[in-house]
């Protein structure tokens, strides 16, 4: 089994919107759990508007996609919303094939994703 660098997640807040900058493979195991943990910390602190930037994610699998769906559903239930930032590439292709692009608003930049909350 090939070892991959751990997932890195940087969290910052701008105008009541939390941005999670994700770097690394978002796949089954620790990476998906790590993203869910970061998400839960933001929600626990009161965050309801969230942007997840996937630009530095070279690969996502069904576990990673499932985590995104879980987060979007939880935020919707709590009167919040999840936006994604993802340009062309493998991750966007996975979002398109699974039709998540139709369900979770996806943008080309952080600034556009954040602005859509206004």
PDB file of N, CA and C in Angstrom:
ATOM      1  N   UNK A   1       0.846  -1.180   0.000  1.00  0.00           N
ATOM      2  CA  UNK A   1       0.000   0.000   0.000  1.00  0.00           C
ATOM      3  C   UNK A   1       0.888   1.239   0.000  1.00  0.00           C
ATOM      4  N   UNK A   2       0.565   2.186  -0.839  1.00  0.00           N
ATOM      5  CA  UNK A   2       1.350   3.409  -0.958  1.00  0.00           C
ATOM      6  C   UNK A   2       0.958   4.399   0.127  1.00  0.00           C
ATOM      7  N   UNK A   3       1.949   4.975   0.781  1.00  0.00           N
ATOM      8  CA  UNK A   3       1.708   6.006   1.784  1.00  0.00           C
ATOM      9  C   UNK A   3       1.545   7.353   1.085  1.00  0.00           C
ATOM     10  N   UNK A   4       0.554   8.118   1.503  1.00  0.00           N
ATOM     11  CA  UNK A   4       0.324   9.446   0.959  1.00  0.00           C
ATOM     12  C   UNK A   4       0.435  10.455   2.094  1.00  0.00           C
ATOM     13  N   UNK A   5       0.847  11.666   1.761  1.00  0.00           N
ATOM     14  CA  UNK A   5       0.926  12.696   2.810  1.00  0.00           C
ATOM     15  C   UNK A   5      -0.447  12.895   3.449  1.00  0.00           C
ATOM     16  N   UNK A   6      -0.475  13.257   4.715  1.00  0.00           N
ATOM     17  CA  UNK A   6      -1.758  13.468   5.384  1.00  0.00           C
ATOM     18  C   UNK A   6      -2.509  14.653   4.768  1.00  0.00           C
ATOM     19  N   UNK A   7      -3.810  14.627   4.929  1.00  0.00           N
ATOM     20  CA  UNK A   7      -4.646  15.722   4.467  1.00  0.00           C
ATOM     21  C   UNK A   7      -4.350  16.949   5.327  1.00  0.00           C
ATOM     22  N   UNK A   8      -4.234  18.097   4.685  1.00  0.00           N
ATOM     23  CA  UNK A   8      -4.044  19.357   5.404  1.00  0.00           C
ATOM     24  C   UNK A   8      -5.293  20.193   5.233  1.00  0.00           C
ATOM     25  N   UNK A   9      -5.791  20.753   6.332  1.00  0.00           N
ATOM     26  CA  UNK A   9      -6.984  21.583   6.287  1.00  0.00           C
ATOM     27  C   UNK A   9      -6.706  22.866   7.047  1.00  0.00           C
ATOM     28  N   UNK A  10      -6.808  23.988   6.355  1.00  0.00           N
ATOM     29  CA  UNK A  10      -6.674  25.299   6.979  1.00  0.00           C
ATOM     30  C   UNK A  10      -8.063  25.927   7.029  1.00  0.00           C
ATOM     31  N   UNK A  11      -8.420  26.452   8.180  1.00  0.00           N
ATOM     32  CA  UNK A  11      -9.745  27.051   8.362  1.00  0.00           C
ATOM     33  C   UNK A  11      -9.573  28.536   8.653  1.00  0.00           C
ATOM     34  N   UNK A  12     -10.352  29.341   7.930  1.00  0.00           N
ATOM     35  CA  UNK A  12     -10.380  30.778   8.234  1.00  0.00           C
ATOM     36  C   UNK A  12     -11.807  31.270   8.089  1.00  0.00           C
ATOM     37  N   UNK A  13     -12.086  32.408   8.688  1.00  0.00           N
ATOM     38  CA  UNK A  13     -13.431  32.972   8.641  1.00  0.00           C
ATOM     39  C   UNK A  13     -13.393  34.341   7.993  1.00  0.00           C
ATOM     40  N   UNK A  14     -14.378  34.606   7.159  1.00  0.00           N
ATOM     41  CA  UNK A  14     -14.502  35.894   6.483  1.00  0.00           C
ATOM     42  C   UNK A  14     -15.978  36.244   6.386  1.00  0.00           C
ATOM     43  N   UNK A  15     -16.389  37.322   7.040  1.00  0.00           N
ATOM     44  CA  UNK A  15     -17.781  37.785   6.990  1.00  0.00           C
ATOM     45  C   UNK A  15     -18.781  36.682   7.340  1.00  0.00           C
ATOM     46  N   UNK A  16     -18.541  35.967   8.424  1.00  0.00           N
ATOM     47  CA  UNK A  16     -19.436  34.921   8.910  1.00  0.00           C
ATOM     48  C   UNK A  16     -19.468  33.678   8.018  1.00  0.00           C
ATOM     49  N   UNK A  17     -18.522  33.580   7.087  1.00  0.00           N
ATOM     50  CA  UNK A  17     -18.401  32.396   6.238  1.00  0.00           C
ATOM     51  C   UNK A  17     -17.083  31.719   6.575  1.00  0.00           C
ATOM     52  N   UNK A  18     -17.130  30.426   6.846  1.00  0.00           N
ATOM     53  CA  UNK A  18     -15.924  29.659   7.145  1.00  0.00           C
ATOM     54  C   UNK A  18     -15.397  29.013   5.878  1.00  0.00           C
ATOM     55  N   UNK A  19     -14.126  29.214   5.612  1.00  0.00           N
ATOM     56  CA  UNK A  19     -13.476  28.629   4.439  1.00  0.00           C
ATOM     57  C   UNK A  19     -12.531  27.533   4.907  1.00  0.00           C
ATOM     58  N   UNK A  20     -12.738  26.330   4.386  1.00  0.00           N
ATOM     59  CA  UNK A  20     -11.850  25.205   4.663  1.00  0.00           C
ATOM     60  C   UNK A  20     -11.017  24.965   3.409  1.00  0.00           C
ATOM     61  N   UNK A  21      -9.750  25.226   3.508  1.00  0.00           N
ATOM     62  CA  UNK A  21      -8.800  25.025   2.404  1.00  0.00           C
ATOM     63  C   UNK A  21      -8.209  23.634   2.575  1.00  0.00           C
ATOM     64  N   UNK A  22      -8.540  22.726   1.658  1.00  0.00           N
ATOM     65  CA  UNK A  22      -8.140  21.332   1.787  1.00  0.00           C
ATOM     66  C   UNK A  22      -7.002  21.023   0.817  1.00  0.00           C
ATOM     67  N   UNK A  23      -5.973  20.325   1.318  1.00  0.00           N
ATOM     68  CA  UNK A  23      -4.821  19.958   0.491  1.00  0.00           C
ATOM     69  C   UNK A  23      -4.485  18.489   0.736  1.00  0.00           C
ATOM     70  N   UNK A  24      -4.527  17.705  -0.328  1.00  0.00           N
ATOM     71  CA  UNK A  24      -4.198  16.285  -0.226  1.00  0.00           C
ATOM     72  C   UNK A  24      -5.331  15.422  -0.749  1.00  0.00           C
ATOM     73  N   UNK A  25      -5.111  14.125  -0.730  1.00  0.00           N
ATOM     74  CA  UNK A  25      -6.095  13.167  -1.237  1.00  0.00           C
ATOM     75  C   UNK A  25      -7.243  13.019  -0.252  1.00  0.00           C
ATOM     76  N   UNK A  26      -8.463  13.164  -0.744  1.00  0.00           N
ATOM     77  CA  UNK A  26      -9.656  13.047   0.086  1.00  0.00           C
ATOM     78  C   UNK A  26     -10.278  11.680  -0.185  1.00  0.00           C
ATOM     79  N   UNK A  27      -9.726  10.690   0.533  1.00  0.00           N
ATOM     80  CA  UNK A  27     -10.105   9.306   0.286  1.00  0.00           C
ATOM     81  C   UNK A  27     -10.487   8.622   1.598  1.00  0.00           C
ATOM     82  N   UNK A  28     -10.921   7.378   1.473  1.00  0.00           N
ATOM     83  CA  UNK A  28     -11.381   6.612   2.631  1.00  0.00           C
ATOM     84  C   UNK A  28     -10.304   6.545   3.715  1.00  0.00           C
ATOM     85  N   UNK A  29     -10.766   6.544   4.941  1.00  0.00           N
ATOM     86  CA  UNK A  29      -9.845   6.443   6.069  1.00  0.00           C
ATOM     87  C   UNK A  29      -9.668   7.763   6.780  1.00  0.00           C
ATOM     88  N   UNK A  30      -8.440   8.010   7.196  1.00  0.00           N
ATOM     89  CA  UNK A  30      -8.145   9.186   8.007  1.00  0.00           C
ATOM     90  C   UNK A  30      -8.490  10.503   7.321  1.00  0.00           C
ATOM     91  N   UNK A  31      -8.280  10.599   6.021  1.00  0.00           N
ATOM     92  CA  UNK A  31      -8.518  11.869   5.323  1.00  0.00           C
ATOM     93  C   UNK A  31      -9.981  12.288   5.425  1.00  0.00           C
ATOM     94  N   UNK A  32     -10.894  11.389   5.127  1.00  0.00           N
ATOM     95  CA  UNK A  32     -12.321  11.715   5.212  1.00  0.00           C
ATOM     96  C   UNK A  32     -12.719  12.027   6.650  1.00  0.00           C
ATOM     97  N   UNK A  33     -12.195  11.261   7.592  1.00  0.00           N
ATOM     98  CA  UNK A  33     -12.488  11.506   9.008  1.00  0.00           C
ATOM     99  C   UNK A  33     -11.963  12.870   9.442  1.00  0.00           C
ATOM    100  N   UNK A  34     -10.798  13.232   8.946  1.00  0.00           N
ATOM    101  CA  UNK A  34     -10.184  14.511   9.289  1.00  0.00           C
ATOM    102  C   UNK A  34     -11.046  15.674   8.787  1.00  0.00           C
ATOM    103  N   UNK A  35     -11.572  15.559   7.564  1.00  0.00           N
ATOM    104  CA  UNK A  35     -12.432  16.609   7.023  1.00  0.00           C
ATOM    105  C   UNK A  35     -13.719  16.722   7.843  1.00  0.00           C
ATOM    106  N   UNK A  36     -14.323  15.604   8.165  1.00  0.00           N
ATOM    107  CA  UNK A  36     -15.544  15.620   8.983  1.00  0.00           C
ATOM    108  C   UNK A  36     -15.261  16.247  10.344  1.00  0.00           C
ATOM    109  N   UNK A  37     -14.122  15.936  10.931  1.00  0.00           N
ATOM    110  CA  UNK A  37     -13.760  16.504  12.238  1.00  0.00           C
ATOM    111  C   UNK A  37     -13.623  18.025  12.150  1.00  0.00           C
ATOM    112  N   UNK A  38     -12.941  18.523  11.121  1.00  0.00           N
ATOM    113  CA  UNK A  38     -12.780  19.974  10.942  1.00  0.00           C
ATOM    114  C   UNK A  38     -14.148  20.627  10.749  1.00  0.00           C
ATOM    115  N   UNK A  39     -14.992  20.000   9.956  1.00  0.00           N
ATOM    116  CA  UNK A  39     -16.348  20.496   9.718  1.00  0.00           C
ATOM    117  C   UNK A  39     -17.124  20.571  11.037  1.00  0.00           C
ATOM    118  N   UNK A  40     -17.083  19.508  11.813  1.00  0.00           N
ATOM    119  CA  UNK A  40     -17.825  19.472  13.074  1.00  0.00           C
ATOM    120  C   UNK A  40     -17.347  20.538  14.053  1.00  0.00           C
ATOM    121  N   UNK A  41     -16.053  20.824  14.055  1.00  0.00           N
ATOM    122  CA  UNK A  41     -15.532  21.883  14.926  1.00  0.00           C
ATOM    123  C   UNK A  41     -16.114  23.237  14.536  1.00  0.00           C
ATOM    124  N   UNK A  42     -16.200  23.504  13.233  1.00  0.00           N
ATOM    125  CA  UNK A  42     -16.762  24.771  12.754  1.00  0.00           C
ATOM    126  C   UNK A  42     -18.245  24.855  13.121  1.00  0.00           C
ATOM    127  N   UNK A  43     -18.983  23.780  12.887  1.00  0.00           N
ATOM    128  CA  UNK A  43     -20.418  23.768  13.205  1.00  0.00           C
ATOM    129  C   UNK A  43     -20.623  23.931  14.709  1.00  0.00           C
ATOM    130  N   UNK A  44     -19.809  23.261  15.504  1.00  0.00           N
ATOM    131  CA  UNK A  44     -19.910  23.363  16.968  1.00  0.00           C
ATOM    132  C   UNK A  44     -19.680  24.801  17.445  1.00  0.00           C
ATOM    133  N   UNK A  45     -18.825  25.538  16.734  1.00  0.00           N
ATOM    134  CA  UNK A  45     -18.556  26.932  17.109  1.00  0.00           C
ATOM    135  C   UNK A  45     -19.596  27.897  16.526  1.00  0.00           C
ATOM    136  N   UNK A  46     -20.618  27.363  15.856  1.00  0.00           N
ATOM    137  CA  UNK A  46     -21.700  28.207  15.360  1.00  0.00           C
ATOM    138  C   UNK A  46     -21.671  28.472  13.863  1.00  0.00           C
ATOM    139  N   UNK A  47     -20.697  27.954  13.153  1.00  0.00           N
ATOM    140  CA  UNK A  47     -20.608  28.189  11.708  1.00  0.00           C
ATOM    141  C   UNK A  47     -21.717  27.483  10.950  1.00  0.00           C
ATOM    142  N   UNK A  48     -22.404  28.217  10.096  1.00  0.00           N
ATOM    143  CA  UNK A  48     -23.484  27.635   9.295  1.00  0.00           C
ATOM    144  C   UNK A  48     -23.297  27.890   7.800  1.00  0.00           C
ATOM    145  N   UNK A  49     -22.397  28.808   7.463  1.00  0.00           N
ATOM    146  CA  UNK A  49     -22.077  29.083   6.062  1.00  0.00           C
ATOM    147  C   UNK A  49     -20.646  28.611   5.841  1.00  0.00           C
ATOM    148  N   UNK A  50     -20.482  27.656   4.924  1.00  0.00           N
ATOM    149  CA  UNK A  50     -19.164  27.055   4.774  1.00  0.00           C
ATOM    150  C   UNK A  50     -18.792  26.896   3.304  1.00  0.00           C
ATOM    151  N   UNK A  51     -17.523  27.186   3.015  1.00  0.00           N
ATOM    152  CA  UNK A  51     -16.953  26.962   1.691  1.00  0.00           C
ATOM    153  C   UNK A  51     -15.809  25.975   1.873  1.00  0.00           C
ATOM    154  N   UNK A  52     -15.808  24.933   1.047  1.00  0.00           N
ATOM    155  CA  UNK A  52     -14.694  23.987   1.058  1.00  0.00           C
ATOM    156  C   UNK A  52     -13.979  24.112  -0.279  1.00  0.00           C
ATOM    157  N   UNK A  53     -12.715  24.525  -0.208  1.00  0.00           N
ATOM    158  CA  UNK A  53     -11.900  24.673  -1.416  1.00  0.00           C
ATOM    159  C   UNK A  53     -11.180  23.355  -1.676  1.00  0.00           C
ATOM    160  N   UNK A  54     -11.494  22.748  -2.830  1.00  0.00           N
ATOM    161  CA  UNK A  54     -10.930  21.453  -3.213  1.00  0.00           C
ATOM    162  C   UNK A  54      -9.879  21.583  -4.312  1.00  0.00           C
ATOM    163  N   UNK A  55      -9.410  22.790  -4.580  1.00  0.00           N
ATOM    164  CA  UNK A  55      -8.447  23.026  -5.660  1.00  0.00           C
ATOM    165  C   UNK A  55      -7.153  22.224  -5.501  1.00  0.00           C
ATOM    166  N   UNK A  56      -6.732  21.998  -4.263  1.00  0.00           N
ATOM    167  CA  UNK A  56      -5.471  21.278  -4.017  1.00  0.00           C
ATOM    168  C   UNK A  56      -5.712  19.810  -3.661  1.00  0.00           C
ATOM    169  N   UNK A  57      -6.872  19.300  -4.056  1.00  0.00           N
ATOM    170  CA  UNK A  57      -7.200  17.890  -3.836  1.00  0.00           C
ATOM    171  C   UNK A  57      -7.042  17.169  -5.172  1.00  0.00           C
ATOM    172  N   UNK A  58      -6.015  16.328  -5.307  1.00  0.00           N
ATOM    173  CA  UNK A  58      -5.792  15.650  -6.582  1.00  0.00           C
ATOM    174  C   UNK A  58      -6.704  14.450  -6.811  1.00  0.00           C
ATOM    175  N   UNK A  59      -7.277  13.903  -5.719  1.00  0.00           N
ATOM    176  CA  UNK A  59      -8.106  12.708  -5.851  1.00  0.00           C
ATOM    177  C   UNK A  59      -9.166  12.689  -4.766  1.00  0.00           C
ATOM    178  N   UNK A  60     -10.360  12.243  -5.161  1.00  0.00           N
ATOM    179  CA  UNK A  60     -11.452  12.055  -4.209  1.00  0.00           C
ATOM    180  C   UNK A  60     -12.122  10.730  -4.545  1.00  0.00           C
ATOM    181  N   UNK A  61     -12.510   9.986  -3.515  1.00  0.00           N
ATOM    182  CA  UNK A  61     -13.197   8.718  -3.754  1.00  0.00           C
ATOM    183  C   UNK A  61     -14.610   8.796  -3.178  1.00  0.00           C
ATOM    184  N   UNK A  62     -15.307   7.676  -3.172  1.00  0.00           N
ATOM    185  CA  UNK A  62     -16.694   7.659  -2.709  1.00  0.00           C
ATOM    186  C   UNK A  62     -16.814   8.082  -1.243  1.00  0.00           C
ATOM    187  N   UNK A  63     -15.816   7.791  -0.444  1.00  0.00           N
ATOM    188  CA  UNK A  63     -15.834   8.202   0.953  1.00  0.00           C
ATOM    189  C   UNK A  63     -15.748   9.723   1.072  1.00  0.00           C
ATOM    190  N   UNK A  64     -14.873  10.326   0.282  1.00  0.00           N
ATOM    191  CA  UNK A  64     -14.755  11.785   0.272  1.00  0.00           C
ATOM    192  C   UNK A  64     -16.034  12.444  -0.225  1.00  0.00           C
ATOM    193  N   UNK A  65     -16.611  11.890  -1.286  1.00  0.00           N
ATOM    194  CA  UNK A  65     -17.869  12.412  -1.827  1.00  0.00           C
ATOM    195  C   UNK A  65     -18.985  12.273  -0.795  1.00  0.00           C
ATOM    196  N   UNK A  66     -19.024  11.142  -0.121  1.00  0.00           N
ATOM    197  CA  UNK A  66     -20.027  10.913   0.916  1.00  0.00           C
ATOM    198  C   UNK A  66     -19.887  11.931   2.049  1.00  0.00           C
ATOM    199  N   UNK A  67     -18.662  12.261   2.402  1.00  0.00           N
ATOM    200  CA  UNK A  67     -18.432  13.264   3.446  1.00  0.00           C
ATOM    201  C   UNK A  67     -18.992  14.616   3.034  1.00  0.00           C
ATOM    202  N   UNK A  68     -18.799  14.997   1.769  1.00  0.00           N
ATOM    203  CA  UNK A  68     -19.328  16.272   1.277  1.00  0.00           C
ATOM    204  C   UNK A  68     -20.853  16.285   1.325  1.00  0.00           C
ATOM    205  N   UNK A  69     -21.479  15.183   0.933  1.00  0.00           N
ATOM    206  CA  UNK A  69     -22.943  15.090   0.963  1.00  0.00           C
ATOM    207  C   UNK A  69     -23.440  15.200   2.402  1.00  0.00           C
ATOM    208  N   UNK A  70     -22.780  14.484   3.292  1.00  0.00           N
ATOM    209  CA  UNK A  70     -23.158  14.515   4.712  1.00  0.00           C
ATOM    210  C   UNK A  70     -23.089  15.937   5.266  1.00  0.00           C
ATOM    211  N   UNK A  71     -22.024  16.662   4.932  1.00  0.00           N
ATOM    212  CA  UNK A  71     -21.865  18.026   5.423  1.00  0.00           C
ATOM    213  C   UNK A  71     -22.926  18.952   4.838  1.00  0.00           C
ATOM    214  N   UNK A  72     -23.201  18.818   3.540  1.00  0.00           N
ATOM    215  CA  UNK A  72     -24.214  19.658   2.889  1.00  0.00           C
ATOM    216  C   UNK A  72     -25.588  19.425   3.513  1.00  0.00           C
ATOM    217  N   UNK A  73     -25.928  18.167   3.768  1.00  0.00           N
ATOM    218  CA  UNK A  73     -27.222  17.849   4.369  1.00  0.00           C
ATOM    219  C   UNK A  73     -27.333  18.395   5.790  1.00  0.00           C
ATOM    220  N   UNK A  74     -26.282  18.234   6.562  1.00  0.00           N
ATOM    221  CA  UNK A  74     -26.314  18.727   7.944  1.00  0.00           C
ATOM    222  C   UNK A  74     -26.474  20.237   7.975  1.00  0.00           C
ATOM    223  N   UNK A  75     -25.722  20.946   7.129  1.00  0.00           N
ATOM    224  CA  UNK A  75     -25.847  22.407   7.111  1.00  0.00           C
ATOM    225  C   UNK A  75     -27.232  22.841   6.657  1.00  0.00           C
ATOM    226  N   UNK A  76     -27.798  22.155   5.670  1.00  0.00           N
ATOM    227  CA  UNK A  76     -29.140  22.496   5.203  1.00  0.00           C
ATOM    228  C   UNK A  76     -30.168  22.309   6.319  1.00  0.00           C
ATOM    229  N   UNK A  77     -30.018  21.247   7.112  1.00  0.00           N
ATOM    230  CA  UNK A  77     -30.934  21.003   8.223  1.00  0.00           C
ATOM    231  C   UNK A  77     -30.822  22.079   9.298  1.00  0.00           C
ATOM    232  N   UNK A  78     -29.649  22.695   9.376  1.00  0.00           N
ATOM    233  CA  UNK A  78     -29.414  23.722  10.392  1.00  0.00           C
ATOM    234  C   UNK A  78     -29.516  25.127   9.801  1.00  0.00           C
ATOM    235  N   UNK A  79     -30.204  25.232   8.670  1.00  0.00           N
ATOM    236  CA  UNK A  79     -30.447  26.507   7.985  1.00  0.00           C
ATOM    237  C   UNK A  79     -29.153  27.189   7.526  1.00  0.00           C
ATOM    238  N   UNK A  80     -28.200  26.371   7.146  1.00  0.00           N
ATOM    239  CA  UNK A  80     -26.945  26.877   6.611  1.00  0.00           C
ATOM    240  C   UNK A  80     -26.773  26.391   5.191  1.00  0.00           C
ATOM    241  N   UNK A  81     -25.548  26.485   4.685  1.00  0.00           N
ATOM    242  CA  UNK A  81     -25.284  26.022   3.316  1.00  0.00           C
ATOM    243  C   UNK A  81     -23.806  25.719   3.146  1.00  0.00           C
ATOM    244  N   UNK A  82     -23.550  24.813   2.219  1.00  0.00           N
ATOM    245  CA  UNK A  82     -22.190  24.437   1.850  1.00  0.00           C
ATOM    246  C   UNK A  82     -21.967  24.819   0.394  1.00  0.00           C
ATOM    247  N   UNK A  83     -20.867  25.496   0.134  1.00  0.00           N
ATOM    248  CA  UNK A  83     -20.430  25.789  -1.230  1.00  0.00           C
ATOM    249  C   UNK A  83     -19.065  25.142  -1.426  1.00  0.00           C
ATOM    250  N   UNK A  84     -18.799  24.699  -2.644  1.00  0.00           N
ATOM    251  CA  UNK A  84     -17.506  24.111  -2.985  1.00  0.00           C
ATOM    252  C   UNK A  84     -16.780  25.004  -3.968  1.00  0.00           C
ATOM    253  N   UNK A  85     -15.448  24.960  -3.920  1.00  0.00           N
ATOM    254  CA  UNK A  85     -14.606  25.609  -4.923  1.00  0.00           C
ATOM    255  C   UNK A  85     -13.798  24.498  -5.571  1.00  0.00           C
ATOM    256  N   UNK A  86     -13.952  24.393  -6.897  1.00  0.00           N
ATOM    257  CA  UNK A  86     -13.293  23.302  -7.602  1.00  0.00           C
ATOM    258  C   UNK A  86     -13.220  23.627  -9.089  1.00  0.00           C
ATOM    259  N   UNK A  87     -12.023  23.710  -9.603  1.00  0.00           N
ATOM    260  CA  UNK A  87     -11.833  23.941 -11.031  1.00  0.00           C
ATOM    261  C   UNK A  87     -11.832  22.628 -11.793  1.00  0.00           C
ATOM    262  N   UNK A  88     -11.435  22.697 -13.045  1.00  0.00           N
ATOM    263  CA  UNK A  88     -11.398  21.506 -13.896  1.00  0.00           C
ATOM    264  C   UNK A  88     -10.404  20.486 -13.339  1.00  0.00           C
ATOM    265  N   UNK A  89     -10.690  19.218 -13.569  1.00  0.00           N
ATOM    266  CA  UNK A  89      -9.791  18.157 -13.130  1.00  0.00           C
ATOM    267  C   UNK A  89     -10.555  16.955 -12.625  1.00  0.00           C
ATOM    268  N   UNK A  90      -9.825  16.045 -12.012  1.00  0.00           N
ATOM    269  CA  UNK A  90     -10.393  14.777 -11.560  1.00  0.00           C
ATOM    270  C   UNK A  90     -11.489  14.947 -10.515  1.00  0.00           C
ATOM    271  N   UNK A  91     -11.299  15.878  -9.603  1.00  0.00           N
ATOM    272  CA  UNK A  91     -12.290  16.056  -8.540  1.00  0.00           C
ATOM    273  C   UNK A  91     -13.590  16.605  -9.130  1.00  0.00           C
ATOM    274  N   UNK A  92     -13.484  17.599 -10.002  1.00  0.00           N
ATOM    275  CA  UNK A  92     -14.693  18.141 -10.623  1.00  0.00           C
ATOM    276  C   UNK A  92     -15.383  17.071 -11.472  1.00  0.00           C
ATOM    277  N   UNK A  93     -14.594  16.249 -12.151  1.00  0.00           N
ATOM    278  CA  UNK A  93     -15.165  15.150 -12.936  1.00  0.00           C
ATOM    279  C   UNK A  93     -15.961  14.210 -12.031  1.00  0.00           C
ATOM    280  N   UNK A  94     -15.426  13.897 -10.857  1.00  0.00           N
ATOM    281  CA  UNK A  94     -16.125  13.022  -9.911  1.00  0.00           C
ATOM    282  C   UNK A  94     -17.419  13.676  -9.430  1.00  0.00           C
ATOM    283  N   UNK A  95     -17.376  14.975  -9.172  1.00  0.00           N
ATOM    284  CA  UNK A  95     -18.579  15.696  -8.753  1.00  0.00           C
ATOM    285  C   UNK A  95     -19.625  15.707  -9.871  1.00  0.00           C
ATOM    286  N   UNK A  96     -19.160  15.815 -11.095  1.00  0.00           N
ATOM    287  CA  UNK A  96     -20.070  15.836 -12.244  1.00  0.00           C
ATOM    288  C   UNK A  96     -20.705  14.466 -12.465  1.00  0.00           C
ATOM    289  N   UNK A  97     -19.895  13.411 -12.464  1.00  0.00           N
ATOM    290  CA  UNK A  97     -20.394  12.051 -12.698  1.00  0.00           C
ATOM    291  C   UNK A  97     -21.429  11.660 -11.638  1.00  0.00           C
ATOM    292  N   UNK A  98     -21.198  12.054 -10.412  1.00  0.00           N
ATOM    293  CA  UNK A  98     -22.115  11.714  -9.319  1.00  0.00           C
ATOM    294  C   UNK A  98     -23.277  12.701  -9.210  1.00  0.00           C
ATOM    295  N   UNK A  99     -23.282  13.686 -10.066  1.00  0.00           N
ATOM    296  CA  UNK A  99     -24.319  14.723 -10.138  1.00  0.00           C
ATOM    297  C   UNK A  99     -24.358  15.613  -8.898  1.00  0.00           C
ATOM    298  N   UNK A 100     -23.282  15.638  -8.148  1.00  0.00           N
ATOM    299  CA  UNK A 100     -23.227  16.518  -6.981  1.00  0.00           C
ATOM    300  C   UNK A 100     -23.110  17.983  -7.386  1.00  0.00           C
ATOM    301  N   UNK A 101     -22.614  18.251  -8.588  1.00  0.00           N
ATOM    302  CA  UNK A 101     -22.563  19.636  -9.075  1.00  0.00           C
ATOM    303  C   UNK A 101     -23.962  20.236  -9.157  1.00  0.00           C
ATOM    304  N   UNK A 102     -24.962  19.384  -9.327  1.00  0.00           N
ATOM    305  CA  UNK A 102     -26.347  19.843  -9.409  1.00  0.00           C
ATOM    306  C   UNK A 102     -26.959  20.083  -8.031  1.00  0.00           C
ATOM    307  N   UNK A 103     -26.329  19.537  -6.995  1.00  0.00           N
ATOM    308  CA  UNK A 103     -26.888  19.584  -5.650  1.00  0.00           C
ATOM    309  C   UNK A 103     -26.137  20.555  -4.736  1.00  0.00           C
ATOM    310  N   UNK A 104     -24.818  20.551  -4.842  1.00  0.00           N
ATOM    311  CA  UNK A 104     -23.992  21.427  -4.000  1.00  0.00           C
ATOM    312  C   UNK A 104     -23.430  22.531  -4.880  1.00  0.00           C
ATOM    313  N   UNK A 105     -23.756  23.800  -4.586  1.00  0.00           N
ATOM    314  CA  UNK A 105     -23.244  24.898  -5.408  1.00  0.00           C
ATOM    315  C   UNK A 105     -21.711  24.857  -5.465  1.00  0.00           C
ATOM    316  N   UNK A 106     -21.178  24.907  -6.678  1.00  0.00           N
ATOM    317  CA  UNK A 106     -19.738  24.796  -6.897  1.00  0.00           C
ATOM    318  C   UNK A 106     -19.265  25.979  -7.725  1.00  0.00           C
ATOM    319  N   UNK A 107     -18.164  26.589  -7.287  1.00  0.00           N
ATOM    320  CA  UNK A 107     -17.677  27.814  -7.902  1.00  0.00           C
ATOM    321  C   UNK A 107     -16.209  27.684  -8.285  1.00  0.00           C
ATOM    322  N   UNK A 108     -15.731  28.645  -9.060  1.00  0.00           N
ATOM    323  CA  UNK A 108     -14.352  28.647  -9.548  1.00  0.00           C
ATOM    324  C   UNK A 108     -13.378  29.322  -8.588  1.00  0.00           C
ATOM    325  N   UNK A 109     -13.882  30.116  -7.633  1.00  0.00           N
ATOM    326  CA  UNK A 109     -12.977  30.830  -6.726  1.00  0.00           C
ATOM    327  C   UNK A 109     -13.612  30.989  -5.348  1.00  0.00           C
ATOM    328  N   UNK A 110     -12.761  31.182  -4.352  1.00  0.00           N
ATOM    329  CA  UNK A 110     -13.226  31.420  -2.982  1.00  0.00           C
ATOM    330  C   UNK A 110     -14.106  32.661  -2.927  1.00  0.00           C
ATOM    331  N   UNK A 111     -13.648  33.734  -3.570  1.00  0.00           N
ATOM    332  CA  UNK A 111     -14.369  35.001  -3.485  1.00  0.00           C
ATOM    333  C   UNK A 111     -15.783  34.878  -4.066  1.00  0.00           C
ATOM    334  N   UNK A 112     -15.930  34.148  -5.169  1.00  0.00           N
ATOM    335  CA  UNK A 112     -17.258  33.965  -5.753  1.00  0.00           C
ATOM    336  C   UNK A 112     -18.127  33.112  -4.846  1.00  0.00           C
ATOM    337  N   UNK A 113     -17.575  32.048  -4.301  1.00  0.00           N
ATOM    338  CA  UNK A 113     -18.343  31.170  -3.405  1.00  0.00           C
ATOM    339  C   UNK A 113     -18.794  31.913  -2.156  1.00  0.00           C
ATOM    340  N   UNK A 114     -17.915  32.727  -1.601  1.00  0.00           N
ATOM    341  CA  UNK A 114     -18.259  33.514  -0.401  1.00  0.00           C
ATOM    342  C   UNK A 114     -19.305  34.565  -0.745  1.00  0.00           C
ATOM    343  N   UNK A 115     -19.129  35.240  -1.881  1.00  0.00           N
ATOM    344  CA  UNK A 115     -20.066  36.313  -2.281  1.00  0.00           C
ATOM    345  C   UNK A 115     -21.486  35.793  -2.479  1.00  0.00           C
ATOM    346  N   UNK A 116     -21.638  34.543  -2.884  1.00  0.00           N
ATOM    347  CA  UNK A 116     -22.968  33.980  -3.133  1.00  0.00           C
ATOM    348  C   UNK A 116     -23.773  33.773  -1.866  1.00  0.00           C
ATOM    349  N   UNK A 117     -23.143  33.915  -0.713  1.00  0.00           N
ATOM    350  CA  UNK A 117     -23.876  33.839   0.554  1.00  0.00           C
ATOM    351  C   UNK A 117     -24.590  35.146   0.864  1.00  0.00           C
ATOM    352  N   UNK A 118     -24.187  36.234   0.232  1.00  0.00           N
ATOM    353  CA  UNK A 118     -24.772  37.555   0.524  1.00  0.00           C
ATOM    354  C   UNK A 118     -26.144  37.721  -0.083  1.00  0.00           C
TER     355      UNK A 118
END
